[in-house]
């Protein structure tokens, strides 16, 4: 019973990886949406992302990746938080390339 009533300072250590992954997920969705709305010619060459559902399929895949990272972080696999941070960094670099028309 004593384990259920832990002070907030003890709970923040277990919640912090989840909060960080969630914040990274928000950033990923914002980057993803910006790229989809950029009208980049590369997106038109990919029929399942550029047309049809308007890119929603890729947003669903992004959500599945986020959900997996959140579940792993919540169960104590904090290493996956670092993997997701790396994934976010790669997404940010890719979005920068597309949005600044470097590719």
Foldseek 3Di string as FASTA:
>chain_A
DVVVDDDPVVVCVLCVLLVLLVVLLVLLVVLQVCLLPLPFVVQVVVDVQNDDVSNVVVVVVSVVLSVVLNVCSNVPVSVSSVVSVVVSVVSVVVSVCRNVVVD
